[in-house]
């Protein structure tokens, strides 16, 4: 057993200072992912800084109608919050599709953002993995990669991001509030995450000594409907083979607004900007939806055993958008 020190932060500034001064320290929220990684020997912090006592458990509506979610809010509390269920059903459904009720009770909103990939090579410390040990190689490219990336991957890494919540946040144009030693900054969710490139060990753009304090979600446009759909190998407690978070605004059969984020297909939640651009002003029908997602998937580079994700995503996106059209068309 590897020993470590445990500290409980008393304020946000205290947590930031402790994290900045100790390069081997990590933050402990619910611990639903971190503790597993420590047990497997994937990570070995010398110090855990408990942030569960910080005043980051509020869900507030700002003056502009946007929602501000404290990083310490549990996934369970966020999923059932009445404003989330009413305005952002895509987020509620994404949260409820992840893990078990017991895990959702423990997992925090901030911690959820920092989930690590479940690639079998990353999770097995006896195997080489560029994400865990830069420069050691990516055996997944020729090995077990059925559930790994088809978009935005690199020679160094084909891992996928596991969070359902983050996919919904991408579709909702969420912003992540980050506090550092000297200042606070706000990042668009798509700028918070990064593609692997030649540095796959970096999942996000948060600097050492910074912590996430809140997530902000803008008020959706009137008439917008949204949902989350997840394809997995078994009905419960499984990560996405592919998923979609979508918002749609249709009037008189024409797409007036749309956002599409895909999960299970890339190193980060994949915002389908090409498909969205193709759909604006187009007919909200099967042909338009299939044409748009086909344009998006022209960038796909599937490997030997995950090419099935291309038609899977095509059908998943098309079916989901058709269902949203039926429920939300303002004709």
C-alpha atoms as a PDB file:
ATOM      1  CA  UNK A   1       0.000   0.000   0.000  1.00  0.00           C
ATOM      2  CA  UNK A   2       1.229   3.469  -0.881  1.00  0.00           C
ATOM      3  CA  UNK A   3       0.701   5.952   1.912  1.00  0.00           C
ATOM      4  CA  UNK A   4      -0.551   9.485   1.423  1.00  0.00           C
ATOM      5  CA  UNK A   5      -1.427  12.506   3.513  1.00  0.00           C
ATOM      6  CA  UNK A   6      -4.972  13.765   3.898  1.00  0.00           C
ATOM      7  CA  UNK A   7      -5.841  17.450   4.319  1.00  0.00           C
ATOM      8  CA  UNK A   8      -9.230  19.136   4.437  1.00  0.00           C
ATOM      9  CA  UNK A   9      -9.387  22.570   2.807  1.00  0.00           C
ATOM     10  CA  UNK A  10     -11.326  25.188   4.744  1.00  0.00           C
ATOM     11  CA  UNK A  11     -11.783  27.775   1.968  1.00  0.00           C
ATOM     12  CA  UNK A  12     -11.457  27.882  -1.816  1.00  0.00           C
ATOM     13  CA  UNK A  13      -8.316  30.016  -1.509  1.00  0.00           C
ATOM     14  CA  UNK A  14      -6.903  27.493   0.951  1.00  0.00           C
ATOM     15  CA  UNK A  15      -7.501  24.643  -1.490  1.00  0.00           C
ATOM     16  CA  UNK A  16      -5.920  26.593  -4.357  1.00  0.00           C
ATOM     17  CA  UNK A  17      -2.839  27.457  -2.298  1.00  0.00           C
ATOM     18  CA  UNK A  18      -2.310  23.894  -1.098  1.00  0.00           C
ATOM     19  CA  UNK A  19      -2.702  22.499  -4.587  1.00  0.00           C
ATOM     20  CA  UNK A  20      -0.322  25.061  -6.090  1.00  0.00           C
ATOM     21  CA  UNK A  21       2.444  24.436  -3.566  1.00  0.00           C
ATOM     22  CA  UNK A  22       2.440  20.638  -3.860  1.00  0.00           C
ATOM     23  CA  UNK A  23       2.841  19.187  -7.354  1.00  0.00           C
ATOM     24  CA  UNK A  24       1.985  15.705  -6.057  1.00  0.00           C
ATOM     25  CA  UNK A  25      -1.312  16.735  -4.437  1.00  0.00           C
ATOM     26  CA  UNK A  26      -4.762  16.007  -5.875  1.00  0.00           C
ATOM     27  CA  UNK A  27      -8.242  17.212  -4.976  1.00  0.00           C
ATOM     28  CA  UNK A  28     -10.705  14.809  -3.391  1.00  0.00           C
ATOM     29  CA  UNK A  29     -14.427  15.333  -3.935  1.00  0.00           C
ATOM     30  CA  UNK A  30     -16.659  12.283  -4.086  1.00  0.00           C
ATOM     31  CA  UNK A  31     -13.648  10.140  -5.000  1.00  0.00           C
ATOM     32  CA  UNK A  32     -15.703   7.870  -7.252  1.00  0.00           C
ATOM     33  CA  UNK A  33     -13.019   7.869  -9.959  1.00  0.00           C
ATOM     34  CA  UNK A  34      -9.888   8.997  -8.133  1.00  0.00           C
ATOM     35  CA  UNK A  35      -9.990   6.304  -5.456  1.00  0.00           C
ATOM     36  CA  UNK A  36     -10.341   3.577  -8.117  1.00  0.00           C
ATOM     37  CA  UNK A  37      -7.334   4.954  -9.994  1.00  0.00           C
ATOM     38  CA  UNK A  38      -5.295   5.008  -6.784  1.00  0.00           C
ATOM     39  CA  UNK A  39      -6.200   1.389  -6.027  1.00  0.00           C
ATOM     40  CA  UNK A  40      -5.130   0.357  -9.519  1.00  0.00           C
ATOM     41  CA  UNK A  41      -1.832   2.230  -9.255  1.00  0.00           C
ATOM     42  CA  UNK A  42      -2.705   4.502 -12.167  1.00  0.00           C
ATOM     43  CA  UNK A  43      -2.186   7.617 -10.041  1.00  0.00           C
ATOM     44  CA  UNK A  44      -0.246   7.989  -6.800  1.00  0.00           C
ATOM     45  CA  UNK A  45      -0.728  11.367  -5.134  1.00  0.00           C
ATOM     46  CA  UNK A  46       1.261  12.004  -1.980  1.00  0.00           C
ATOM     47  CA  UNK A  47      -1.489  14.267  -0.629  1.00  0.00           C
ATOM     48  CA  UNK A  48      -5.266  14.376  -1.014  1.00  0.00           C
ATOM     49  CA  UNK A  49      -6.934  17.738  -0.413  1.00  0.00           C
ATOM     50  CA  UNK A  50     -10.554  17.209   0.620  1.00  0.00           C
ATOM     51  CA  UNK A  51     -12.772  19.916  -0.918  1.00  0.00           C
ATOM     52  CA  UNK A  52     -16.149  18.520   0.145  1.00  0.00           C
ATOM     53  CA  UNK A  53     -16.474  21.061   2.974  1.00  0.00           C
ATOM     54  CA  UNK A  54     -16.130  24.094   0.729  1.00  0.00           C
ATOM     55  CA  UNK A  55     -19.195  26.322   0.123  1.00  0.00           C
ATOM     56  CA  UNK A  56     -19.702  25.069  -3.442  1.00  0.00           C
ATOM     57  CA  UNK A  57     -23.012  23.221  -3.112  1.00  0.00           C
ATOM     58  CA  UNK A  58     -25.467  25.866  -4.337  1.00  0.00           C
ATOM     59  CA  UNK A  59     -27.518  25.951  -7.538  1.00  0.00           C
ATOM     60  CA  UNK A  60     -28.507  29.526  -8.375  1.00  0.00           C
ATOM     61  CA  UNK A  61     -30.299  31.361 -11.165  1.00  0.00           C
ATOM     62  CA  UNK A  62     -28.384  34.471 -12.239  1.00  0.00           C
ATOM     63  CA  UNK A  63     -29.963  37.782 -13.231  1.00  0.00           C
ATOM     64  CA  UNK A  64     -29.616  36.930 -16.931  1.00  0.00           C
ATOM     65  CA  UNK A  65     -31.486  33.651 -16.427  1.00  0.00           C
ATOM     66  CA  UNK A  66     -28.411  31.442 -16.626  1.00  0.00           C
ATOM     67  CA  UNK A  67     -27.877  28.640 -14.140  1.00  0.00           C
ATOM     68  CA  UNK A  68     -24.818  28.590 -11.871  1.00  0.00           C
ATOM     69  CA  UNK A  69     -23.954  25.193 -10.398  1.00  0.00           C
ATOM     70  CA  UNK A  70     -21.439  24.882  -7.594  1.00  0.00           C
ATOM     71  CA  UNK A  71     -18.663  22.366  -8.183  1.00  0.00           C
ATOM     72  CA  UNK A  72     -19.605  20.522  -4.993  1.00  0.00           C
ATOM     73  CA  UNK A  73     -23.210  19.806  -6.014  1.00  0.00           C
ATOM     74  CA  UNK A  74     -23.798  16.053  -6.205  1.00  0.00           C
ATOM     75  CA  UNK A  75     -24.833  14.485  -9.490  1.00  0.00           C
ATOM     76  CA  UNK A  76     -28.033  13.233  -7.838  1.00  0.00           C
ATOM     77  CA  UNK A  77     -29.047  16.666  -6.570  1.00  0.00           C
ATOM     78  CA  UNK A  78     -28.307  18.273  -9.928  1.00  0.00           C
ATOM     79  CA  UNK A  79     -30.271  15.679 -11.894  1.00  0.00           C
ATOM     80  CA  UNK A  80     -33.474  16.164  -9.902  1.00  0.00           C
ATOM     81  CA  UNK A  81     -33.308  19.934  -9.423  1.00  0.00           C
ATOM     82  CA  UNK A  82     -36.631  21.346 -10.724  1.00  0.00           C
ATOM     83  CA  UNK A  83     -34.998  24.037 -12.886  1.00  0.00           C
ATOM     84  CA  UNK A  84     -32.671  21.491 -14.462  1.00  0.00           C
ATOM     85  CA  UNK A  85     -35.527  19.095 -15.188  1.00  0.00           C
ATOM     86  CA  UNK A  86     -37.674  21.850 -16.681  1.00  0.00           C
ATOM     87  CA  UNK A  87     -35.151  23.920 -18.662  1.00  0.00           C
ATOM     88  CA  UNK A  88     -32.347  21.449 -19.299  1.00  0.00           C
ATOM     89  CA  UNK A  89     -33.805  17.921 -19.588  1.00  0.00           C
ATOM     90  CA  UNK A  90     -30.764  16.921 -21.647  1.00  0.00           C
ATOM     91  CA  UNK A  91     -28.582  17.452 -18.569  1.00  0.00           C
ATOM     92  CA  UNK A  92     -30.915  15.654 -16.175  1.00  0.00           C
ATOM     93  CA  UNK A  93     -31.181  12.636 -18.488  1.00  0.00           C
ATOM     94  CA  UNK A  94     -27.426  12.517 -19.041  1.00  0.00           C
ATOM     95  CA  UNK A  95     -26.765  12.469 -15.302  1.00  0.00           C
ATOM     96  CA  UNK A  96     -29.382   9.802 -14.637  1.00  0.00           C
ATOM     97  CA  UNK A  97     -27.926   7.579 -17.363  1.00  0.00           C
ATOM     98  CA  UNK A  98     -24.523   7.507 -15.654  1.00  0.00           C
ATOM     99  CA  UNK A  99     -23.493   5.058 -12.930  1.00  0.00           C
ATOM    100  CA  UNK A 100     -25.737   3.932 -10.076  1.00  0.00           C
ATOM    101  CA  UNK A 101     -27.790   5.969  -7.638  1.00  0.00           C
ATOM    102  CA  UNK A 102     -25.214   5.369  -4.922  1.00  0.00           C
ATOM    103  CA  UNK A 103     -22.392   6.696  -7.095  1.00  0.00           C
ATOM    104  CA  UNK A 104     -24.429   9.701  -8.197  1.00  0.00           C
ATOM    105  CA  UNK A 105     -25.012  10.520  -4.539  1.00  0.00           C
ATOM    106  CA  UNK A 106     -21.244  10.684  -4.029  1.00  0.00           C
ATOM    107  CA  UNK A 107     -20.023  12.121  -7.332  1.00  0.00           C
ATOM    108  CA  UNK A 108     -19.698  15.897  -7.593  1.00  0.00           C
ATOM    109  CA  UNK A 109     -20.312  18.180 -10.550  1.00  0.00           C
ATOM    110  CA  UNK A 110     -16.719  19.401 -10.533  1.00  0.00           C
ATOM    111  CA  UNK A 111     -15.283  15.925 -10.135  1.00  0.00           C
ATOM    112  CA  UNK A 112     -17.388  14.596 -12.989  1.00  0.00           C
ATOM    113  CA  UNK A 113     -15.599  16.943 -15.374  1.00  0.00           C
ATOM    114  CA  UNK A 114     -12.250  15.358 -14.501  1.00  0.00           C
ATOM    115  CA  UNK A 115     -13.131  11.711 -15.098  1.00  0.00           C
ATOM    116  CA  UNK A 116     -10.335   9.781 -16.768  1.00  0.00           C
ATOM    117  CA  UNK A 117     -10.740   7.439 -19.714  1.00  0.00           C
ATOM    118  CA  UNK A 118     -11.685   3.792 -19.159  1.00  0.00           C
ATOM    119  CA  UNK A 119      -9.372   2.572 -21.932  1.00  0.00           C
ATOM    120  CA  UNK A 120      -8.166  -0.816 -20.675  1.00  0.00           C
ATOM    121  CA  UNK A 121      -4.516   0.082 -21.299  1.00  0.00           C
ATOM    122  CA  UNK A 122      -4.770   3.275 -19.279  1.00  0.00           C
ATOM    123  CA  UNK A 123      -6.456   1.440 -16.407  1.00  0.00           C
ATOM    124  CA  UNK A 124      -3.824  -1.336 -16.328  1.00  0.00           C
ATOM    125  CA  UNK A 125      -0.593   0.042 -14.875  1.00  0.00           C
ATOM    126  CA  UNK A 126       1.332  -2.999 -16.150  1.00  0.00           C
ATOM    127  CA  UNK A 127       0.660  -1.965 -19.776  1.00  0.00           C
ATOM    128  CA  UNK A 128       2.225   0.887 -21.773  1.00  0.00           C
ATOM    129  CA  UNK A 129       0.017   3.938 -22.257  1.00  0.00           C
ATOM    130  CA  UNK A 130       0.942   7.415 -23.492  1.00  0.00           C
ATOM    131  CA  UNK A 131      -1.799   8.960 -21.405  1.00  0.00           C
ATOM    132  CA  UNK A 132      -0.470   7.419 -18.206  1.00  0.00           C
ATOM    133  CA  UNK A 133       3.240   7.413 -19.130  1.00  0.00           C
ATOM    134  CA  UNK A 134       4.052   9.777 -22.021  1.00  0.00           C
ATOM    135  CA  UNK A 135       6.245   8.209 -24.678  1.00  0.00           C
ATOM    136  CA  UNK A 136       5.467   4.597 -23.747  1.00  0.00           C
ATOM    137  CA  UNK A 137       3.173   3.979 -26.724  1.00  0.00           C
ATOM    138  CA  UNK A 138      -0.487   3.357 -27.522  1.00  0.00           C
ATOM    139  CA  UNK A 139      -1.165  -0.387 -27.763  1.00  0.00           C
ATOM    140  CA  UNK A 140      -4.883   0.306 -28.148  1.00  0.00           C
ATOM    141  CA  UNK A 141      -4.439   1.248 -31.817  1.00  0.00           C
ATOM    142  CA  UNK A 142      -3.599  -2.337 -32.713  1.00  0.00           C
ATOM    143  CA  UNK A 143      -5.177  -3.949 -29.670  1.00  0.00           C
ATOM    144  CA  UNK A 144      -8.497  -3.524 -27.846  1.00  0.00           C
ATOM    145  CA  UNK A 145     -10.177  -0.423 -29.225  1.00  0.00           C
ATOM    146  CA  UNK A 146     -13.816  -1.356 -29.901  1.00  0.00           C
ATOM    147  CA  UNK A 147     -15.131   1.384 -27.597  1.00  0.00           C
ATOM    148  CA  UNK A 148     -12.488   3.985 -28.406  1.00  0.00           C
ATOM    149  CA  UNK A 149     -12.311   7.099 -30.581  1.00  0.00           C
ATOM    150  CA  UNK A 150     -13.237   7.574 -34.213  1.00  0.00           C
ATOM    151  CA  UNK A 151     -12.950  11.387 -34.192  1.00  0.00           C
ATOM    152  CA  UNK A 152     -10.113  13.698 -33.188  1.00  0.00           C
ATOM    153  CA  UNK A 153      -7.705  10.930 -32.194  1.00  0.00           C
ATOM    154  CA  UNK A 154      -3.960  10.932 -32.820  1.00  0.00           C
ATOM    155  CA  UNK A 155      -1.156   8.434 -33.248  1.00  0.00           C
ATOM    156  CA  UNK A 156      -0.416   8.930 -29.566  1.00  0.00           C
ATOM    157  CA  UNK A 157      -3.900   8.197 -28.205  1.00  0.00           C
ATOM    158  CA  UNK A 158      -7.347   6.922 -29.224  1.00  0.00           C
ATOM    159  CA  UNK A 159      -8.958   7.130 -25.778  1.00  0.00           C
ATOM    160  CA  UNK A 160     -12.483   8.430 -25.236  1.00  0.00           C
ATOM    161  CA  UNK A 161     -13.846  10.698 -22.529  1.00  0.00           C
ATOM    162  CA  UNK A 162     -16.309   8.786 -20.299  1.00  0.00           C
ATOM    163  CA  UNK A 163     -18.560  11.509 -18.854  1.00  0.00           C
ATOM    164  CA  UNK A 164     -22.249  11.676 -19.813  1.00  0.00           C
ATOM    165  CA  UNK A 165     -22.694  14.981 -18.001  1.00  0.00           C
ATOM    166  CA  UNK A 166     -19.919  16.680 -19.973  1.00  0.00           C
ATOM    167  CA  UNK A 167     -21.561  15.769 -23.292  1.00  0.00           C
ATOM    168  CA  UNK A 168     -24.776  17.465 -22.189  1.00  0.00           C
ATOM    169  CA  UNK A 169     -22.837  20.508 -20.993  1.00  0.00           C
ATOM    170  CA  UNK A 170     -21.185  20.785 -24.398  1.00  0.00           C
ATOM    171  CA  UNK A 171     -24.559  20.831 -26.157  1.00  0.00           C
ATOM    172  CA  UNK A 172     -25.730  23.509 -23.711  1.00  0.00           C
ATOM    173  CA  UNK A 173     -22.715  25.791 -24.337  1.00  0.00           C
ATOM    174  CA  UNK A 174     -21.788  25.637 -20.667  1.00  0.00           C
ATOM    175  CA  UNK A 175     -18.945  27.632 -19.151  1.00  0.00           C
ATOM    176  CA  UNK A 176     -16.534  26.409 -16.493  1.00  0.00           C
ATOM    177  CA  UNK A 177     -15.424  28.816 -13.758  1.00  0.00           C
ATOM    178  CA  UNK A 178     -11.835  28.181 -12.647  1.00  0.00           C
ATOM    179  CA  UNK A 179     -10.073  29.765  -9.668  1.00  0.00           C
ATOM    180  CA  UNK A 180      -6.282  30.096  -9.497  1.00  0.00           C
ATOM    181  CA  UNK A 181      -3.856  31.687  -7.072  1.00  0.00           C
ATOM    182  CA  UNK A 182      -4.007  35.111  -8.720  1.00  0.00           C
ATOM    183  CA  UNK A 183      -7.290  35.226 -10.608  1.00  0.00           C
ATOM    184  CA  UNK A 184     -10.533  33.615 -11.687  1.00  0.00           C
ATOM    185  CA  UNK A 185     -11.273  32.800 -15.303  1.00  0.00           C
ATOM    186  CA  UNK A 186     -14.166  31.320 -17.259  1.00  0.00           C
ATOM    187  CA  UNK A 187     -13.723  28.759 -20.027  1.00  0.00           C
ATOM    188  CA  UNK A 188     -16.198  27.567 -22.633  1.00  0.00           C
ATOM    189  CA  UNK A 189     -16.710  23.855 -22.047  1.00  0.00           C
ATOM    190  CA  UNK A 190     -15.200  23.074 -25.459  1.00  0.00           C
ATOM    191  CA  UNK A 191     -12.079  25.042 -24.511  1.00  0.00           C
ATOM    192  CA  UNK A 192     -11.922  23.321 -21.132  1.00  0.00           C
ATOM    193  CA  UNK A 193     -11.266  19.958 -22.798  1.00  0.00           C
ATOM    194  CA  UNK A 194      -8.599  19.204 -25.385  1.00  0.00           C
ATOM    195  CA  UNK A 195      -7.867  16.599 -28.053  1.00  0.00           C
ATOM    196  CA  UNK A 196      -4.890  14.292 -27.442  1.00  0.00           C
ATOM    197  CA  UNK A 197      -2.451  15.495 -30.105  1.00  0.00           C
ATOM    198  CA  UNK A 198       1.057  14.569 -28.970  1.00  0.00           C
ATOM    199  CA  UNK A 199       0.266  15.229 -25.279  1.00  0.00           C
ATOM    200  CA  UNK A 200      -2.568  12.817 -24.425  1.00  0.00           C
ATOM    201  CA  UNK A 201      -1.694  12.911 -20.724  1.00  0.00           C
ATOM    202  CA  UNK A 202      -3.452  16.302 -20.627  1.00  0.00           C
ATOM    203  CA  UNK A 203      -7.230  15.864 -20.616  1.00  0.00           C
ATOM    204  CA  UNK A 204      -8.029  19.539 -20.147  1.00  0.00           C
ATOM    205  CA  UNK A 205      -6.607  23.057 -20.092  1.00  0.00           C
ATOM    206  CA  UNK A 206      -6.766  23.624 -16.336  1.00  0.00           C
ATOM    207  CA  UNK A 207      -3.374  24.704 -15.025  1.00  0.00           C
ATOM    208  CA  UNK A 208      -1.613  23.349 -11.964  1.00  0.00           C
ATOM    209  CA  UNK A 209      -2.930  25.210  -8.934  1.00  0.00           C
ATOM    210  CA  UNK A 210      -6.370  25.911 -10.426  1.00  0.00           C
ATOM    211  CA  UNK A 211      -9.641  24.399  -9.274  1.00  0.00           C
ATOM    212  CA  UNK A 212     -13.131  24.416 -10.768  1.00  0.00           C
ATOM    213  CA  UNK A 213     -15.598  26.281  -8.576  1.00  0.00           C
ATOM    214  CA  UNK A 214     -18.739  26.398 -10.724  1.00  0.00           C
ATOM    215  CA  UNK A 215     -20.411  25.657 -14.029  1.00  0.00           C
ATOM    216  CA  UNK A 216     -22.626  28.207 -15.768  1.00  0.00           C
ATOM    217  CA  UNK A 217     -25.308  27.284 -18.308  1.00  0.00           C
ATOM    218  CA  UNK A 218     -27.020  29.981 -20.402  1.00  0.00           C
ATOM    219  CA  UNK A 219     -30.790  30.243 -20.587  1.00  0.00           C
ATOM    220  CA  UNK A 220     -31.998  28.263 -23.630  1.00  0.00           C
ATOM    221  CA  UNK A 221     -33.833  30.080 -26.396  1.00  0.00           C
ATOM    222  CA  UNK A 222     -37.615  29.959 -26.182  1.00  0.00           C
ATOM    223  CA  UNK A 223     -39.016  26.953 -28.015  1.00  0.00           C
ATOM    224  CA  UNK A 224     -35.864  24.858 -27.645  1.00  0.00           C
ATOM    225  CA  UNK A 225     -36.286  21.182 -26.748  1.00  0.00           C
ATOM    226  CA  UNK A 226     -33.486  18.855 -25.696  1.00  0.00           C
ATOM    227  CA  UNK A 227     -32.671  15.266 -24.824  1.00  0.00           C
ATOM    228  CA  UNK A 228     -29.860  12.792 -24.192  1.00  0.00           C
ATOM    229  CA  UNK A 229     -29.639   9.306 -25.644  1.00  0.00           C
ATOM    230  CA  UNK A 230     -26.988   6.736 -24.778  1.00  0.00           C
ATOM    231  CA  UNK A 231     -26.073   3.488 -26.513  1.00  0.00           C
ATOM    232  CA  UNK A 232     -24.267   1.006 -24.260  1.00  0.00           C
ATOM    233  CA  UNK A 233     -23.507  -2.694 -24.129  1.00  0.00           C
ATOM    234  CA  UNK A 234     -25.887  -3.282 -21.217  1.00  0.00           C
ATOM    235  CA  UNK A 235     -28.863  -1.423 -19.850  1.00  0.00           C
ATOM    236  CA  UNK A 236     -27.212   0.023 -16.742  1.00  0.00           C
ATOM    237  CA  UNK A 237     -23.835   0.830 -15.174  1.00  0.00           C
ATOM    238  CA  UNK A 238     -22.029   0.929 -18.514  1.00  0.00           C
ATOM    239  CA  UNK A 239     -20.141   3.680 -20.301  1.00  0.00           C
ATOM    240  CA  UNK A 240     -21.361   4.901 -23.671  1.00  0.00           C
ATOM    241  CA  UNK A 241     -20.406   3.133 -26.872  1.00  0.00           C
ATOM    242  CA  UNK A 242     -21.866   6.289 -28.375  1.00  0.00           C
ATOM    243  CA  UNK A 243     -24.183   8.992 -27.073  1.00  0.00           C
ATOM    244  CA  UNK A 244     -25.804  12.223 -28.172  1.00  0.00           C
ATOM    245  CA  UNK A 245     -26.860  15.352 -26.339  1.00  0.00           C
ATOM    246  CA  UNK A 246     -28.974  17.548 -28.569  1.00  0.00           C
ATOM    247  CA  UNK A 247     -30.996  20.753 -28.440  1.00  0.00           C
ATOM    248  CA  UNK A 248     -33.339  21.691 -31.272  1.00  0.00           C
ATOM    249  CA  UNK A 249     -35.540  24.623 -32.221  1.00  0.00           C
ATOM    250  CA  UNK A 250     -37.881  23.893 -35.128  1.00  0.00           C
ATOM    251  CA  UNK A 251     -40.501  26.271 -36.515  1.00  0.00           C
ATOM    252  CA  UNK A 252     -42.818  25.362 -39.405  1.00  0.00           C
ATOM    253  CA  UNK A 253     -40.650  22.357 -40.213  1.00  0.00           C
ATOM    254  CA  UNK A 254     -37.416  24.363 -40.498  1.00  0.00           C
ATOM    255  CA  UNK A 255     -34.417  24.135 -38.164  1.00  0.00           C
ATOM    256  CA  UNK A 256     -33.949  27.519 -36.485  1.00  0.00           C
ATOM    257  CA  UNK A 257     -31.417  26.408 -33.891  1.00  0.00           C
ATOM    258  CA  UNK A 258     -29.545  23.193 -33.116  1.00  0.00           C
ATOM    259  CA  UNK A 259     -26.668  21.878 -31.051  1.00  0.00           C
ATOM    260  CA  UNK A 260     -25.287  18.346 -31.219  1.00  0.00           C
ATOM    261  CA  UNK A 261     -22.643  16.902 -28.914  1.00  0.00           C
ATOM    262  CA  UNK A 262     -21.435  13.312 -29.190  1.00  0.00           C
ATOM    263  CA  UNK A 263     -20.019  11.071 -26.489  1.00  0.00           C
ATOM    264  CA  UNK A 264     -18.039   7.842 -26.718  1.00  0.00           C
ATOM    265  CA  UNK A 265     -16.378   8.879 -29.969  1.00  0.00           C
ATOM    266  CA  UNK A 266     -13.511  11.222 -29.025  1.00  0.00           C
ATOM    267  CA  UNK A 267     -11.005  12.286 -26.376  1.00  0.00           C
ATOM    268  CA  UNK A 268     -13.467  15.030 -25.382  1.00  0.00           C
ATOM    269  CA  UNK A 269     -17.192  15.626 -25.832  1.00  0.00           C
ATOM    270  CA  UNK A 270     -17.393  16.101 -29.598  1.00  0.00           C
ATOM    271  CA  UNK A 271     -19.399  19.145 -30.656  1.00  0.00           C
ATOM    272  CA  UNK A 272     -20.710  18.430 -34.158  1.00  0.00           C
ATOM    273  CA  UNK A 273     -20.278  21.950 -35.563  1.00  0.00           C
ATOM    274  CA  UNK A 274     -20.213  20.834 -39.210  1.00  0.00           C
ATOM    275  CA  UNK A 275     -23.547  19.058 -38.840  1.00  0.00           C
ATOM    276  CA  UNK A 276     -25.056  22.005 -36.975  1.00  0.00           C
ATOM    277  CA  UNK A 277     -24.025  24.453 -39.678  1.00  0.00           C
ATOM    278  CA  UNK A 278     -25.516  22.205 -42.360  1.00  0.00           C
ATOM    279  CA  UNK A 279     -28.837  21.986 -40.526  1.00  0.00           C
ATOM    280  CA  UNK A 280     -29.517  25.671 -39.883  1.00  0.00           C
ATOM    281  CA  UNK A 281     -32.322  26.710 -42.227  1.00  0.00           C
ATOM    282  CA  UNK A 282     -32.770  23.159 -43.504  1.00  0.00           C
ATOM    283  CA  UNK A 283     -35.887  21.020 -43.356  1.00  0.00           C
ATOM    284  CA  UNK A 284     -36.226  19.097 -40.109  1.00  0.00           C
ATOM    285  CA  UNK A 285     -36.511  15.673 -41.701  1.00  0.00           C
ATOM    286  CA  UNK A 286     -34.734  12.361 -42.047  1.00  0.00           C
ATOM    287  CA  UNK A 287     -32.866  13.296 -45.215  1.00  0.00           C
ATOM    288  CA  UNK A 288     -31.497  16.558 -43.776  1.00  0.00           C
ATOM    289  CA  UNK A 289     -30.417  14.938 -40.528  1.00  0.00           C
ATOM    290  CA  UNK A 290     -28.637  12.077 -42.299  1.00  0.00           C
ATOM    291  CA  UNK A 291     -26.946  14.438 -44.732  1.00  0.00           C
ATOM    292  CA  UNK A 292     -25.709  16.667 -41.923  1.00  0.00           C
ATOM    293  CA  UNK A 293     -24.244  13.933 -39.756  1.00  0.00           C
ATOM    294  CA  UNK A 294     -22.646  12.338 -42.829  1.00  0.00           C
ATOM    295  CA  UNK A 295     -20.774  15.598 -43.396  1.00  0.00           C
ATOM    296  CA  UNK A 296     -19.636  15.564 -39.760  1.00  0.00           C
ATOM    297  CA  UNK A 297     -18.436  11.974 -39.967  1.00  0.00           C
ATOM    298  CA  UNK A 298     -16.317  12.598 -43.048  1.00  0.00           C
ATOM    299  CA  UNK A 299     -13.607  13.419 -40.479  1.00  0.00           C
ATOM    300  CA  UNK A 300     -13.949  10.009 -38.793  1.00  0.00           C
ATOM    301  CA  UNK A 301     -10.917   7.708 -38.782  1.00  0.00           C
ATOM    302  CA  UNK A 302     -12.163   4.436 -37.304  1.00  0.00           C
ATOM    303  CA  UNK A 303      -9.818   1.610 -36.459  1.00  0.00           C
ATOM    304  CA  UNK A 304     -10.154  -2.098 -37.182  1.00  0.00           C
ATOM    305  CA  UNK A 305     -12.873  -2.898 -34.643  1.00  0.00           C
ATOM    306  CA  UNK A 306     -14.808   0.330 -34.155  1.00  0.00           C
ATOM    307  CA  UNK A 307     -15.896   1.256 -37.688  1.00  0.00           C
ATOM    308  CA  UNK A 308     -19.412   0.198 -36.646  1.00  0.00           C
ATOM    309  CA  UNK A 309     -19.615   3.470 -34.714  1.00  0.00           C
ATOM    310  CA  UNK A 310     -20.002   5.450 -37.956  1.00  0.00           C
ATOM    311  CA  UNK A 311     -23.398   3.976 -38.935  1.00  0.00           C
ATOM    312  CA  UNK A 312     -24.324   3.745 -35.250  1.00  0.00           C
ATOM    313  CA  UNK A 313     -23.783   7.482 -34.744  1.00  0.00           C
ATOM    314  CA  UNK A 314     -25.571   8.253 -38.019  1.00  0.00           C
ATOM    315  CA  UNK A 315     -28.685   6.412 -36.911  1.00  0.00           C
ATOM    316  CA  UNK A 316     -28.445   7.675 -33.328  1.00  0.00           C
ATOM    317  CA  UNK A 317     -28.299  11.325 -34.374  1.00  0.00           C
ATOM    318  CA  UNK A 318     -31.031  10.961 -36.989  1.00  0.00           C
ATOM    319  CA  UNK A 319     -33.462   9.181 -34.701  1.00  0.00           C
ATOM    320  CA  UNK A 320     -32.853  11.565 -31.808  1.00  0.00           C
ATOM    321  CA  UNK A 321     -33.380  14.693 -33.905  1.00  0.00           C
ATOM    322  CA  UNK A 322     -36.522  13.241 -35.468  1.00  0.00           C
ATOM    323  CA  UNK A 323     -37.971  12.585 -32.022  1.00  0.00           C
ATOM    324  CA  UNK A 324     -37.122  16.102 -30.884  1.00  0.00           C
ATOM    325  CA  UNK A 325     -38.760  17.505 -34.020  1.00  0.00           C
ATOM    326  CA  UNK A 326     -42.001  15.689 -33.265  1.00  0.00           C
ATOM    327  CA  UNK A 327     -42.076  17.009 -29.719  1.00  0.00           C
ATOM    328  CA  UNK A 328     -40.985  20.577 -30.385  1.00  0.00           C
ATOM    329  CA  UNK A 329     -42.013  21.756 -33.876  1.00  0.00           C
ATOM    330  CA  UNK A 330     -43.773  25.132 -33.512  1.00  0.00           C
ATOM    331  CA  UNK A 331     -45.968  24.855 -36.594  1.00  0.00           C
END
